[in-house]
Protein backbone atom coordinates (compact mmCIF):
# COMPACT_ATOMS: atom_id res chain seq x y z
CA MET A 1 7.43 34.31 -14.90
CA ASP A 2 9.44 31.15 -14.14
CA THR A 3 9.31 28.79 -17.10
CA VAL A 4 11.86 26.18 -15.95
CA ILE A 5 12.49 24.71 -12.50
CA VAL A 6 15.60 22.64 -11.77
CA GLN A 7 15.58 20.23 -8.82
CA LEU A 8 19.19 20.23 -7.68
CA PRO A 9 20.92 16.93 -6.83
CA ASP A 10 21.28 16.05 -3.16
CA ASP A 11 24.66 14.34 -3.29
CA THR A 12 26.71 17.26 -2.00
CA PRO A 13 28.80 16.43 1.10
CA ALA A 14 26.73 18.73 3.33
CA ARG A 15 23.48 16.96 2.44
CA ARG A 16 24.55 13.39 1.71
CA GLY A 17 22.86 10.88 4.00
CA ARG A 18 20.39 13.38 5.45
CA THR A 19 16.75 12.35 5.10
CA GLY A 20 13.50 14.27 5.15
CA GLN A 21 15.01 17.30 3.43
CA LYS A 22 12.99 19.35 1.00
CA PRO A 23 14.46 19.44 -2.50
CA ARG A 24 16.45 22.49 -3.45
CA LEU A 25 14.95 24.27 -6.45
CA LEU A 26 16.45 26.60 -9.00
CA HIS A 27 13.91 28.83 -10.79
CA MET A 28 14.71 30.14 -14.28
CA GLY A 29 12.97 32.66 -16.52
CA PRO A 30 12.96 32.89 -20.32
CA GLY A 31 16.47 33.33 -21.73
CA GLU A 32 18.21 32.54 -18.45
CA THR A 33 21.06 29.99 -18.53
CA LYS A 34 22.67 27.83 -15.85
CA ASP A 35 25.80 25.67 -16.12
CA PHE A 36 26.25 22.21 -14.61
CA GLY A 37 29.31 20.11 -13.78
CA ARG A 38 31.92 19.63 -11.04
CA GLY A 39 33.18 23.18 -11.32
CA VAL A 40 36.68 24.60 -11.07
CA PRO A 41 38.36 26.26 -8.08
CA GLY A 42 36.77 29.64 -7.58
CA ASP A 43 33.99 28.97 -10.09
CA VAL A 44 31.17 26.76 -8.84
CA PRO A 45 28.35 26.10 -11.35
CA ALA A 46 24.70 26.60 -10.42
CA ILE A 47 24.10 22.84 -10.72
CA VAL A 48 26.91 20.93 -9.00
CA LEU A 49 27.50 17.26 -9.93
CA THR A 50 30.23 15.95 -7.63
CA ASP A 51 31.11 12.63 -9.33
CA PRO A 52 34.75 12.71 -10.55
CA GLY A 53 33.63 11.20 -13.86
CA VAL A 54 31.66 14.35 -14.71
CA SER A 55 33.43 17.16 -16.56
CA ARG A 56 34.25 20.28 -14.59
CA THR A 57 32.18 22.28 -17.05
CA ALA A 58 29.83 19.60 -18.31
CA GLY A 59 27.06 21.59 -19.95
CA ARG A 60 24.42 24.28 -19.80
CA ILE A 61 20.63 24.51 -19.72
CA GLU A 62 18.66 27.44 -21.08
CA ALA A 63 15.05 28.36 -20.34
CA ALA A 64 13.36 29.15 -23.64
CA GLY A 65 9.66 30.00 -23.57
CA ASP A 66 7.67 26.90 -22.69
CA PHE A 67 10.57 24.46 -23.18
CA TRP A 68 14.31 24.37 -22.47
CA ARG A 69 17.58 23.64 -24.26
CA LEU A 70 20.56 21.57 -23.21
CA SER A 71 24.17 22.06 -24.35
CA ASN A 72 26.72 19.26 -23.94
CA PHE A 73 30.24 20.64 -23.44
CA SER A 74 31.83 17.19 -23.13
CA ALA A 75 34.06 16.01 -25.96
CA THR A 76 33.37 12.31 -25.36
CA SER A 77 30.18 11.70 -23.33
CA THR A 78 26.60 11.54 -24.61
CA TYR A 79 23.94 12.84 -22.22
CA VAL A 80 20.42 11.41 -21.98
CA VAL A 81 17.25 13.32 -21.11
CA GLU A 82 14.45 11.00 -19.91
CA ASN A 83 10.74 11.79 -20.02
CA LEU A 84 9.56 11.06 -16.48
CA GLU A 85 5.88 11.15 -17.52
CA GLY A 86 6.27 8.96 -20.59
CA ALA A 87 6.67 5.29 -21.42
CA GLY A 88 10.45 5.22 -21.61
CA GLU A 89 10.93 8.08 -24.09
CA TYR A 90 14.25 9.87 -24.03
CA VAL A 91 16.44 12.07 -26.18
CA LYS A 92 20.22 11.82 -26.55
CA VAL A 93 22.44 14.89 -26.66
CA ALA A 94 25.68 14.10 -28.44
CA PRO A 95 29.12 15.39 -27.34
CA GLY A 96 29.55 19.01 -28.36
CA ARG A 97 25.86 19.50 -29.20
CA LEU A 98 24.68 23.02 -28.36
CA GLY A 99 21.13 24.15 -27.62
CA ALA A 100 19.34 20.81 -28.08
CA PRO A 101 15.60 21.49 -27.46
CA VAL A 102 13.89 19.34 -24.81
CA PRO A 103 10.09 19.05 -25.20
CA PHE A 104 9.30 17.12 -22.00
CA GLU A 105 7.50 18.72 -19.07
CA PHE A 106 9.10 16.35 -16.51
CA SER A 107 12.70 15.45 -17.34
CA ARG A 108 15.70 13.75 -15.79
CA VAL A 109 19.13 14.66 -17.17
CA VAL A 110 21.47 11.66 -16.95
CA LEU A 111 25.25 11.87 -17.33
CA PRO A 112 27.65 8.90 -17.32
CA ALA A 113 29.73 8.89 -14.14
CA LEU A 114 32.19 6.73 -12.23
CA ASP A 115 29.53 5.93 -9.63
CA GLY A 116 26.88 4.82 -12.14
CA THR A 117 25.22 8.03 -13.31
CA ALA A 118 24.90 11.64 -12.21
CA THR A 119 21.40 13.11 -12.53
CA PHE A 120 19.22 16.13 -11.90
CA LYS A 121 15.58 16.89 -12.75
CA VAL A 122 14.15 19.70 -14.85
CA PHE A 123 10.49 20.78 -14.94
CA ALA A 124 8.91 23.00 -17.61
CA PRO A 125 5.49 23.75 -16.07
CA GLN A 126 4.50 26.50 -18.52
CA HIS A 127 3.98 24.21 -21.51
CA ALA A 128 1.51 25.78 -23.94
CA TYR A 129 -1.40 23.92 -25.56
CA ALA A 130 -3.61 24.96 -28.45
CA GLN A 131 -6.87 26.59 -27.45
CA ASP A 132 -10.18 26.04 -29.24
CA GLY A 133 -10.87 28.78 -31.75
CA ALA A 134 -7.26 29.97 -31.87
CA GLY A 135 -6.93 32.50 -34.66
CA PRO A 136 -4.02 34.11 -36.50
CA ASP A 137 -1.02 35.16 -34.50
CA TYR A 138 -1.16 38.94 -34.12
CA GLY A 139 1.57 40.23 -31.87
CA GLU A 140 2.68 38.52 -28.69
CA ARG A 141 1.15 35.12 -27.95
CA THR A 142 -1.42 34.84 -25.19
CA VAL A 143 -0.16 32.56 -22.41
CA SER A 144 -2.68 30.32 -20.72
CA PRO A 145 -2.69 30.91 -16.94
CA PHE A 146 -3.41 27.19 -16.36
CA SER A 147 -1.40 24.95 -18.69
CA LEU A 148 -2.53 21.47 -17.65
CA ASP A 149 -1.77 18.30 -19.61
CA PRO A 150 -4.75 15.88 -19.37
CA THR A 151 -2.46 12.95 -20.25
CA SER A 152 -0.15 13.47 -17.26
CA LYS A 153 -0.12 11.74 -13.90
CA TYR A 154 -0.49 15.02 -12.03
CA PHE A 155 -3.78 15.61 -13.88
CA LEU A 156 -5.03 12.15 -12.86
CA VAL A 157 -4.19 13.02 -9.26
CA LEU A 158 -6.13 16.28 -9.60
CA VAL A 159 -9.17 14.49 -11.07
CA ALA A 160 -9.13 11.91 -8.25
CA LEU A 161 -8.86 14.74 -5.74
CA CYS A 162 -11.85 16.56 -7.26
CA GLU A 163 -13.98 13.41 -7.77
CA PRO A 164 -16.00 13.56 -4.51
CA ARG A 165 -17.04 17.17 -5.17
CA LEU A 166 -17.96 16.40 -8.79
CA ARG A 167 -20.05 13.36 -7.86
CA SER A 168 -21.85 14.63 -4.78
CA SER A 169 -21.80 18.02 -3.10
CA SER A 170 -19.43 20.88 -2.40
CA GLY A 171 -19.06 19.69 1.19
CA ALA A 172 -17.82 16.18 0.37
CA ALA A 173 -14.60 15.18 2.11
CA LEU A 174 -11.51 15.14 -0.06
CA PRO A 175 -9.46 11.94 -0.38
CA GLY A 176 -6.07 11.62 1.24
CA ALA A 177 -2.90 10.52 -0.50
CA GLY A 178 -3.47 6.85 0.34
CA GLU A 179 -7.01 6.92 -1.02
CA ILE A 180 -5.82 8.53 -4.24
CA VAL A 181 -3.17 5.82 -4.61
CA GLU A 182 -5.81 3.08 -4.32
CA ARG A 183 -8.15 4.95 -6.69
CA LEU A 184 -5.56 5.29 -9.45
CA ARG A 185 -3.58 2.07 -9.03
CA PRO A 186 -5.75 0.04 -11.49
CA LEU A 187 -4.49 2.35 -14.27
CA GLU A 188 -1.40 1.02 -16.04
CA PRO A 189 0.65 4.26 -15.71
CA CYS A 190 -0.13 4.33 -11.96
CA ARG A 191 0.80 0.77 -10.98
CA ASP A 192 3.79 2.00 -8.97
CA LEU A 193 2.18 5.18 -7.62
CA THR A 194 2.99 5.91 -3.97
CA ARG A 195 1.67 8.28 -1.30
CA SER A 196 4.87 10.29 -1.57
CA ALA A 197 4.43 10.60 -5.34
CA VAL A 198 0.82 11.77 -4.89
CA ASN A 199 1.92 14.48 -2.45
CA TYR A 200 4.70 15.41 -4.86
CA HIS A 201 2.16 15.89 -7.69
CA ILE A 202 -0.10 17.94 -5.41
CA ASP A 203 2.83 20.20 -4.51
CA TYR A 204 3.74 20.52 -8.19
CA LEU A 205 0.17 21.51 -9.07
CA THR A 206 0.08 23.99 -6.20
CA SER A 207 3.41 25.73 -6.71
CA ALA A 208 4.15 25.39 -10.43
CA LYS A 209 1.01 24.71 -12.47
CA LEU A 210 -1.76 26.65 -10.67
CA ARG A 211 0.54 28.84 -8.57
CA LEU A 212 -1.57 28.98 -5.43
CA ARG A 213 -0.26 31.51 -2.93
CA THR A 214 -1.91 30.28 0.26
CA VAL A 215 1.00 27.95 1.03
CA GLN A 216 4.25 29.88 1.25
CA GLU A 217 6.65 26.92 1.11
CA ASP A 218 8.25 27.20 -2.31
CA ASP A 219 9.11 23.59 -3.04
CA LEU A 220 7.86 20.42 -4.70
CA SER A 221 8.35 18.10 -1.73
CA ALA A 222 5.87 16.15 0.33
CA TYR A 223 5.16 17.38 3.84
CA GLY A 224 5.45 15.21 6.88
CA PRO A 225 2.68 14.23 9.33
CA LYS A 226 3.19 17.37 11.41
CA ASP A 227 2.17 19.43 8.38
CA GLY A 228 -1.12 17.61 7.85
CA GLY A 229 -3.15 20.77 8.44
CA ARG A 230 -1.31 22.66 5.75
CA VAL A 231 -1.62 19.74 3.33
CA GLY A 232 -5.39 19.62 3.94
CA ALA A 233 -5.71 23.36 3.32
CA LYS A 234 -3.65 23.00 0.18
CA ARG A 235 -5.91 20.25 -1.18
CA GLU A 236 -8.99 22.36 -0.43
CA ASP A 237 -7.58 25.38 -2.25
CA LEU A 238 -6.49 23.22 -5.17
CA VAL A 239 -9.92 21.64 -5.62
CA THR A 240 -11.71 24.97 -5.18
CA LEU A 241 -9.64 26.59 -7.93
CA ALA A 242 -9.89 23.59 -10.29
CA LEU A 243 -13.68 23.43 -10.02
CA ARG A 244 -14.24 27.18 -10.06
CA PHE A 245 -12.49 27.59 -13.41
CA ASP A 246 -13.67 24.23 -14.87
CA LEU A 247 -10.12 22.90 -15.06
CA VAL A 248 -11.59 19.56 -13.99
CA ARG A 249 -15.08 18.72 -15.29
CA GLU A 250 -17.44 15.76 -15.13
CA GLU A 251 -16.21 14.40 -18.45
CA HIS A 252 -12.73 14.04 -16.92
CA LEU A 253 -14.09 11.39 -14.55
CA SER A 254 -13.86 8.99 -17.50
CA LEU A 255 -10.08 9.09 -17.05
CA LEU A 256 -10.43 7.30 -13.69
CA PRO A 257 -10.80 3.52 -13.35
CA ARG A 258 -14.38 2.26 -13.33
CA ARG A 259 -15.53 1.49 -9.83
CA THR A 260 -16.63 -2.08 -9.24
CA ALA A 261 -20.15 -2.44 -7.89
CA ALA A 262 -20.59 -4.13 -4.51
CA PRO A 263 -21.62 -7.84 -4.59
CA CYS A 264 -25.36 -8.45 -4.74
CA PRO A 265 -26.81 -9.44 -1.32
CA PRO A 266 -28.77 -12.72 -0.96
CA ALA A 267 -32.35 -12.57 -2.18
CA GLY A 268 -34.84 -11.58 0.52
CA SER A 269 -32.29 -9.87 2.73
CA ALA A 270 -32.83 -6.34 4.01
CA ALA A 271 -29.94 -5.09 1.89
CA ALA A 272 -31.48 -6.66 -1.23
CA THR A 273 -34.67 -4.66 -0.80
CA ALA A 274 -32.94 -1.36 -0.04
CA PRO A 275 -32.87 1.26 -2.82
CA SER A 276 -29.68 1.29 -4.88
CA PRO A 277 -27.45 4.37 -5.14
CA ALA A 278 -28.55 6.73 -7.86
CA HIS A 279 -25.06 7.79 -9.00
CA GLU A 280 -23.20 6.02 -11.74
CA TYR A 281 -20.07 4.06 -10.89
CA ARG A 282 -16.94 4.80 -12.82
């Protein structure tokens, strides 16, 4: 099972300036290691950072269970690992530090470089969470097939996607990326949410968290307009799985912004005498 996914940087000469490309992903299993840096002639690392300010052999990442470790081979530079789902949290890995554990599920590794910084992203989708009624540890730990973090943005996207089916019927239309953006934007962590980011989270849920197999594209990128049919099928499969196994439940609707009721119509109008909707606004 892949426990760490590295999104490779797109600043290589062959890809620089090209738009609309899907990110290149490097999948790693427990105990697997990959080096990063500029590389030396005849020895190109798995993660290439082309800036001349980056060491030829800059460091190494290791997949370790439901987290990963970072080693800093530089003698002078401190590396920073940012939590992309947090409120500015980061950890620093000092020069020469080996095997520093990184607890974040969404991370950006940042190295000082001549051209600002050199970066790449690391995802650890198999994070484990305590289960109700967990007993003593006898033998190998049971791994949850669906390790979702209810505090993450991707979970908010999933709840917004499932909302119509939870509130009405199984045949309710699912919201598109733009509708999800508008639904979540009142939340402070989602002020800068974009359609592209929503599609990115949906792809991450599909390929890494819930591991749906109906879409064969093995990436975390957003699809273009020509792939609208596949995106719609992906959303349907995602919602079906989430509701079937109670990954998203009615109580999760409280995570969404409260809906504002429509203005009251003038007294005596036809709209004023019409029955009001029975469902609760949230």
